[in-house]
Every structure is written in structure tokens, then in C-alpha cells.
Amino acid sequence: MTDRPLILLTNDDGYDSPGLLAAAAALMAVGELLIVAPLVQQSGMGRSWPISTGVIHRRRVGVDGLSFPAYAVEGSPAQAVAHALLELAPRRPDLAVAGINFGENMGFAVTSSGTVGAAMEAAIGGVPSMAVSLEMDKAFFKTHSEHVDFGTAAHFTQVFAELLLRARPLPPDVDLLKIDVPRDATPETPWEITRQSRQRYFVALPPTRRELSEPVQVDYRVDPSRSKPGSDVHTLAYRRRISVTPLSVDLTSRTSRRKLRQLLSHDRPSSAA
């Protein structure tokens, strides 16, 4: 037991990802670390609960010359968080941090992101959470490349961890923060509160193959061109600032339920003459 805050650190890139290790180096000054992450690459899993073994492997990870215990879970990011909360944490964590992810999670990608899914699972478990991602060339996605500089993203991971620990409780309907850091950001780069963009930032491309039996992976291109000011996409892609998007686990539309009920009513007047 310790009086330091307990921070659950997880990701979707695997327990030995350089992004997770960079986050650990930044967070070990903030609190006690509980590192629980998928055993292997789990990008794009969202908050899924696939059939998995649930086996947990004890590992060690090296951070700034120090060795930390880690738990590698045979399962999705959300399942890793669930195991952390249900059987590994000595007490309820004060904060959960997912990341630092190889690649930004923008617009509609929030529902497919394993990084966001892990943070959302922790938030549903009652733990203030944040998901941190670093913009980079898609060639580095799903890799453990040592050529990516996580320094600035790690700096802001520490900054927002400290802010969240001081800001508890979060305002109503704010369950987690999605933080996206531009690749050219520095510790002096401003950050802005943004909203999730209502656009497809990662635009899927039709596969090229001669037979449907040929294995393919759907490729994509990045298109921020239709983003609106104030959105996560516009803030990162055009303003080159850190985007901080408050997310809610409540996916209910904020529309007027009265108007929707009228629209769907069987006895509404017909518009046809």
C-alpha cells in the first residue's frame, strides 16, 4: 500500500510497445504504476470482448534504466483493463491511461480505436481515464518502431495525468479524455478542448484483387479536408495543436426526444397530397 495515486497504464499496441514505455517513464513521477496491456498487437479492436484465453503473463519492462513488473493479457485492450480492475489492482486505480498510441485517433475512429476502447472500459469501471495518441505516418501504425519520438506526447501524458488527478470529479457526461498530439508538437504547443469530428478521417479504399478468395487488408487514406473548426481533426491537422476531446460512454443522441417521437408517430399527418 502507498499514499501515491495508483495509475493503470494500458494500450492496444502490446505491453512492450515503445509508446507505453514512454508513457510509463513520464507517469512514474506522478504515481504508482500498474501496467496491464494486451500480450500482442490489438489495434482496431475498439471495446470488443472477443473469445480469448484470458491467460495473464507476468513480464518485466524497462523504463529509464529501471525494471517494472507488467501483466500481458491474452485478450483485447478492454479485456486487459477488465482483468486489471477485477483481479490485478490492489485497490481501485485513481486514474487510467491508455497509450501512447502509434497513430492519431480522430473523428469516427473513436469507436474502432483499441486505445479509446481501453480508456472507455476503465471509465465504465468508475476510473477517470484518458486515451493518448500521437500523429504519425501510417507506415508506423501497428509497429513497435524505435524511430518514433514520443517525447512530447509523453510530456502531455504527464501534464494531463496530473490535471485529471487534481480535477476529480470530472463534469457530468465527461467520462474520459481523448488526447491527440501532432507529430511536430513541442512541450510549448498549446492545447484546445475540441469535439469529435463528424467525418471519416480515415477513408477506406476499395481492395484490389482478382478473386474474392484472395486475402486482402482494406487500406485507407487520411482526409482532413472537410473538418470544421473546433473539431479534433481540424485542431490537429490544420491548427497543429493538441486536441483534447471529452467523451461520454453515453452514446445516446442529444436530439429532442419529443421531436423524434413526433417524427416516428404512426398518426402524424401525411406529407403526400
Protein backbone atom coordinates (compact mmCIF):
# COMPACT_ATOMS: atom_id res chain seq x y z
CA MET A 1 0.00 0.00 0.00
CA THR A 2 1.10 3.55 -0.75
CA ASP A 3 -0.36 7.03 -0.50
CA ARG A 4 0.70 7.76 -4.08
CA PRO A 5 -2.06 7.68 -6.74
CA LEU A 6 -2.42 4.31 -8.45
CA ILE A 7 -2.29 4.69 -12.24
CA LEU A 8 -3.44 1.88 -14.51
CA LEU A 9 -1.38 2.06 -17.71
CA THR A 10 -2.57 0.12 -20.74
CA ASN A 11 -2.73 0.32 -24.55
CA ASP A 12 -3.72 -1.57 -27.68
CA ASP A 13 -0.23 -1.96 -29.19
CA GLY A 14 1.01 -4.55 -26.70
CA TYR A 15 2.68 -4.44 -23.31
CA ASP A 16 6.17 -3.89 -24.80
CA SER A 17 5.25 -1.01 -27.09
CA PRO A 18 7.68 1.95 -27.07
CA GLY A 19 4.66 4.23 -26.71
CA LEU A 20 3.60 2.53 -23.48
CA LEU A 21 7.16 2.63 -22.18
CA ALA A 22 7.36 6.37 -22.92
CA ALA A 23 4.14 6.90 -21.01
CA ALA A 24 5.47 4.84 -18.10
CA ALA A 25 8.62 6.95 -17.95
CA ALA A 26 6.50 10.11 -17.76
CA LEU A 27 3.96 8.76 -15.26
CA MET A 28 6.26 7.10 -12.74
CA ALA A 29 6.86 10.55 -11.24
CA VAL A 30 3.12 11.06 -10.85
CA GLY A 31 2.05 7.85 -9.13
CA GLU A 32 2.39 4.12 -8.64
CA LEU A 33 2.09 2.23 -11.92
CA LEU A 34 0.03 -0.86 -12.64
CA ILE A 35 0.92 -1.91 -16.20
CA VAL A 36 -1.64 -4.24 -17.76
CA ALA A 37 -1.84 -4.46 -21.54
CA PRO A 38 -2.50 -6.95 -24.36
CA LEU A 39 0.15 -9.55 -25.00
CA VAL A 40 0.22 -8.77 -28.73
CA GLN A 41 -0.87 -6.05 -31.14
CA GLN A 42 -4.59 -5.36 -30.77
CA SER A 43 -5.12 -2.15 -32.77
CA GLY A 44 -8.61 -1.57 -34.13
CA MET A 45 -10.30 -3.75 -31.52
CA GLY A 46 -12.38 -0.93 -30.07
CA ARG A 47 -14.04 -2.04 -26.83
CA SER A 48 -14.60 -5.56 -28.12
CA TRP A 49 -14.72 -8.70 -25.99
CA PRO A 50 -13.68 -11.49 -28.37
CA ILE A 51 -13.36 -15.11 -27.32
CA SER A 52 -9.89 -15.28 -25.76
CA THR A 53 -7.95 -17.36 -23.29
CA GLY A 54 -7.69 -14.68 -20.63
CA VAL A 55 -4.25 -16.03 -19.73
CA ILE A 56 -2.11 -13.41 -17.97
CA HIS A 57 1.67 -13.48 -18.34
CA ARG A 58 3.98 -11.85 -15.84
CA ARG A 59 6.57 -9.70 -17.62
CA ARG A 60 9.14 -7.01 -16.87
CA VAL A 61 9.50 -3.80 -18.87
CA GLY A 62 12.47 -1.45 -18.83
CA VAL A 63 11.88 2.27 -18.25
CA ASP A 64 14.75 4.75 -17.91
CA GLY A 65 17.10 2.06 -16.64
CA LEU A 66 14.53 0.74 -14.19
CA SER A 67 12.63 -2.53 -14.42
CA PHE A 68 8.88 -2.57 -13.78
CA PRO A 69 6.52 -5.52 -13.44
CA ALA A 70 3.89 -5.76 -16.17
CA TYR A 71 0.99 -8.05 -16.96
CA ALA A 72 0.46 -9.17 -20.56
CA VAL A 73 -3.10 -10.36 -21.19
CA GLU A 74 -4.18 -12.74 -23.94
CA GLY A 75 -7.15 -10.64 -24.93
CA SER A 76 -8.35 -7.31 -26.23
CA PRO A 77 -7.49 -3.91 -24.72
CA ALA A 78 -10.87 -3.78 -22.97
CA GLN A 79 -10.34 -7.28 -21.59
CA ALA A 80 -6.90 -6.29 -20.33
CA VAL A 81 -8.48 -3.41 -18.42
CA ALA A 82 -11.20 -5.67 -17.06
CA HIS A 83 -8.65 -8.14 -15.71
CA ALA A 84 -6.71 -5.24 -14.20
CA LEU A 85 -9.75 -3.95 -12.33
CA LEU A 86 -11.16 -7.35 -11.36
CA GLU A 87 -8.09 -9.25 -10.21
CA LEU A 88 -4.79 -7.38 -10.52
CA ALA A 89 -5.25 -3.95 -8.95
CA PRO A 90 -4.55 -3.89 -5.19
CA ARG A 91 -7.14 -1.11 -4.93
CA ARG A 92 -9.26 0.93 -7.31
CA PRO A 93 -6.95 2.96 -9.58
CA ASP A 94 -7.11 6.72 -9.27
CA LEU A 95 -6.52 7.13 -13.00
CA ALA A 96 -6.32 5.01 -16.15
CA VAL A 97 -4.10 5.98 -19.08
CA ALA A 98 -4.30 4.22 -22.46
CA GLY A 99 -1.40 4.86 -24.84
CA ILE A 100 0.70 6.35 -26.10
CA ASN A 101 -0.78 5.04 -29.34
CA PHE A 102 1.08 4.66 -32.62
CA GLY A 103 -1.16 6.96 -34.68
CA GLU A 104 -3.87 9.52 -34.08
CA ASN A 105 -7.48 8.51 -33.28
CA MET A 106 -9.70 11.08 -34.94
CA GLY A 107 -13.33 11.55 -35.90
CA PHE A 108 -15.31 8.34 -36.34
CA ALA A 109 -12.20 6.29 -35.48
CA VAL A 110 -13.04 6.61 -31.78
CA THR A 111 -15.36 3.61 -31.93
CA SER A 112 -12.79 1.34 -33.58
CA SER A 113 -9.78 2.52 -31.59
CA GLY A 114 -8.48 -0.01 -29.08
CA THR A 115 -6.80 2.85 -27.24
CA VAL A 116 -10.10 4.65 -26.73
CA GLY A 117 -11.82 1.32 -26.06
CA ALA A 118 -9.41 0.57 -23.21
CA ALA A 119 -9.95 4.01 -21.67
CA MET A 120 -13.70 3.64 -22.05
CA GLU A 121 -13.64 0.25 -20.31
CA ALA A 122 -11.82 1.84 -17.38
CA ALA A 123 -14.27 4.75 -17.34
CA ILE A 124 -17.20 2.32 -17.23
CA GLY A 125 -15.44 0.75 -14.25
CA GLY A 126 -15.57 4.09 -12.48
CA VAL A 127 -11.98 5.16 -13.10
CA PRO A 128 -11.17 8.62 -14.55
CA SER A 129 -9.49 7.87 -17.85
CA MET A 130 -7.66 9.27 -20.82
CA ALA A 131 -6.53 7.92 -24.18
CA VAL A 132 -3.36 9.43 -25.64
CA SER A 133 -2.36 9.11 -29.30
CA LEU A 134 0.49 10.51 -31.39
CA GLU A 135 0.02 11.52 -35.01
CA MET A 136 2.43 9.76 -37.36
CA ASP A 137 2.79 8.33 -40.84
CA LYS A 138 0.55 5.30 -41.24
CA ALA A 139 3.62 3.23 -42.15
CA PHE A 140 4.36 3.19 -38.40
CA PHE A 141 0.86 2.08 -37.37
CA LYS A 142 0.80 -1.41 -35.86
CA THR A 143 4.57 -1.39 -35.40
CA HIS A 144 6.95 -1.06 -32.48
CA SER A 145 9.29 1.21 -34.40
CA GLU A 146 12.10 2.76 -32.39
CA HIS A 147 12.23 5.66 -34.86
CA VAL A 148 9.18 7.42 -33.40
CA ASP A 149 9.84 10.24 -30.92
CA PHE A 150 7.28 10.04 -28.11
CA GLY A 151 8.94 12.79 -26.05
CA THR A 152 6.32 15.50 -26.49
CA ALA A 153 3.39 13.09 -26.25
CA ALA A 154 4.89 11.72 -23.02
CA HIS A 155 5.19 15.27 -21.69
CA PHE A 156 1.49 15.92 -22.24
CA THR A 157 0.60 12.50 -20.87
CA GLN A 158 2.16 13.58 -17.59
CA VAL A 159 0.57 17.04 -17.76
CA PHE A 160 -2.96 15.71 -18.23
CA ALA A 161 -2.48 12.89 -15.74
CA GLU A 162 -1.64 15.47 -13.09
CA LEU A 163 -4.56 17.68 -14.16
CA LEU A 164 -7.05 14.81 -14.05
CA LEU A 165 -5.87 13.68 -10.64
CA ARG A 166 -6.47 17.21 -9.35
CA ALA A 167 -9.73 17.80 -11.23
CA ARG A 168 -11.76 14.92 -9.80
CA PRO A 169 -14.63 14.50 -10.18
CA LEU A 170 -14.98 15.28 -13.87
CA PRO A 171 -18.02 17.28 -15.01
CA PRO A 172 -21.21 15.33 -15.70
CA ASP A 173 -21.20 13.47 -19.05
CA VAL A 174 -17.39 13.59 -19.26
CA ASP A 175 -16.15 10.04 -18.74
CA LEU A 176 -12.77 10.18 -20.46
CA LEU A 177 -10.47 12.50 -22.38
CA LYS A 178 -9.17 11.69 -25.86
CA ILE A 179 -5.85 13.43 -26.39
CA ASP A 180 -4.23 13.60 -29.84
CA VAL A 181 -0.76 15.08 -30.24
CA PRO A 182 0.57 16.39 -33.58
CA ARG A 183 3.82 14.82 -34.73
CA ASP A 184 5.52 18.25 -34.82
CA ALA A 185 4.29 19.37 -31.38
CA THR A 186 6.67 20.58 -28.69
CA PRO A 187 6.08 20.98 -24.94
CA GLU A 188 5.17 24.61 -25.72
CA THR A 189 2.42 23.69 -28.21
CA PRO A 190 -1.00 24.92 -27.00
CA TRP A 191 -3.85 22.51 -26.39
CA GLU A 192 -7.52 23.06 -27.10
CA ILE A 193 -10.76 21.48 -25.93
CA THR A 194 -12.37 20.03 -29.05
CA ARG A 195 -15.32 17.95 -30.16
CA GLN A 196 -15.25 14.70 -32.06
CA SER A 197 -15.45 15.43 -35.77
CA ARG A 198 -18.48 14.05 -37.60
CA GLN A 199 -16.43 12.84 -40.53
CA ARG A 200 -14.46 9.86 -41.74
CA TYR A 201 -10.86 10.92 -41.20
CA PHE A 202 -9.50 7.52 -42.30
CA VAL A 203 -11.13 6.96 -45.70
CA ALA A 204 -11.25 3.28 -46.71
CA LEU A 205 -10.06 2.34 -50.19
CA PRO A 206 -11.52 -0.45 -52.35
CA PRO A 207 -9.30 -3.55 -52.26
CA THR A 208 -7.58 -4.60 -55.48
CA ARG A 209 -7.76 -8.33 -56.17
CA ARG A 210 -8.81 -10.68 -58.95
CA GLU A 211 -10.67 -13.23 -56.84
CA LEU A 212 -12.69 -12.78 -53.65
CA SER A 213 -10.83 -15.76 -52.23
CA GLU A 214 -7.58 -13.77 -52.26
CA PRO A 215 -6.68 -12.42 -48.80
CA VAL A 216 -6.56 -8.62 -48.57
CA GLN A 217 -6.43 -5.88 -45.99
CA VAL A 218 -8.53 -2.79 -46.61
CA ASP A 219 -6.19 0.18 -46.99
CA TYR A 220 -7.12 3.79 -46.34
CA ARG A 221 -6.04 7.38 -46.86
CA VAL A 222 -6.21 10.30 -44.46
CA ASP A 223 -8.58 13.13 -45.42
CA PRO A 224 -9.00 16.07 -43.02
CA SER A 225 -10.31 18.41 -45.74
CA ARG A 226 -13.96 18.51 -44.61
CA SER A 227 -13.24 19.11 -40.93
CA LYS A 228 -14.85 22.03 -39.15
CA PRO A 229 -13.18 24.47 -36.75
CA GLY A 230 -13.36 23.29 -33.16
CA SER A 231 -13.20 19.62 -34.09
CA ASP A 232 -10.42 17.20 -33.18
CA VAL A 233 -9.48 16.75 -36.85
CA HIS A 234 -9.30 20.47 -37.66
CA THR A 235 -7.38 21.29 -34.49
CA LEU A 236 -4.71 18.67 -35.11
CA ALA A 237 -4.50 18.73 -38.92
CA TYR A 238 -4.71 22.49 -39.55
CA ARG A 239 -4.07 24.36 -36.30
CA ARG A 240 -1.34 21.87 -35.31
CA ARG A 241 -2.40 21.97 -31.68
CA ILE A 242 -3.03 19.23 -29.15
CA SER A 243 -6.66 18.13 -29.35
CA VAL A 244 -8.37 17.30 -26.05
CA THR A 245 -11.79 15.80 -26.67
CA PRO A 246 -14.13 14.97 -23.77
CA LEU A 247 -16.01 11.75 -24.47
CA SER A 248 -19.04 10.18 -22.83
CA VAL A 249 -19.87 6.50 -22.55
CA ASP A 250 -23.48 7.54 -23.19
CA LEU A 251 -23.88 7.23 -26.97
CA THR A 252 -27.48 8.46 -26.93
CA SER A 253 -28.16 11.17 -29.48
CA ARG A 254 -28.64 14.62 -27.95
CA THR A 255 -31.66 15.24 -30.19
CA SER A 256 -35.07 16.28 -28.91
CA ARG A 257 -36.83 13.05 -27.97
CA ARG A 258 -40.18 14.81 -28.31
CA LYS A 259 -39.47 15.80 -31.90
CA LEU A 260 -38.16 12.35 -32.74
CA ARG A 261 -41.27 10.75 -31.24
CA GLN A 262 -43.44 13.04 -33.38
CA LEU A 263 -41.43 12.14 -36.47
CA LEU A 264 -41.86 8.43 -35.84
CA SER A 265 -45.51 8.63 -34.77
CA HIS A 266 -47.96 6.50 -36.77
CA ASP A 267 -50.64 9.18 -36.70
CA ARG A 268 -48.51 12.10 -37.93
CA PRO A 269 -50.03 13.96 -40.88
CA SER A 270 -49.04 12.63 -44.27
CA SER A 271 -46.94 14.93 -46.43
CA ALA A 272 -48.26 13.34 -49.60
CA ALA A 273 -51.09 15.20 -51.39
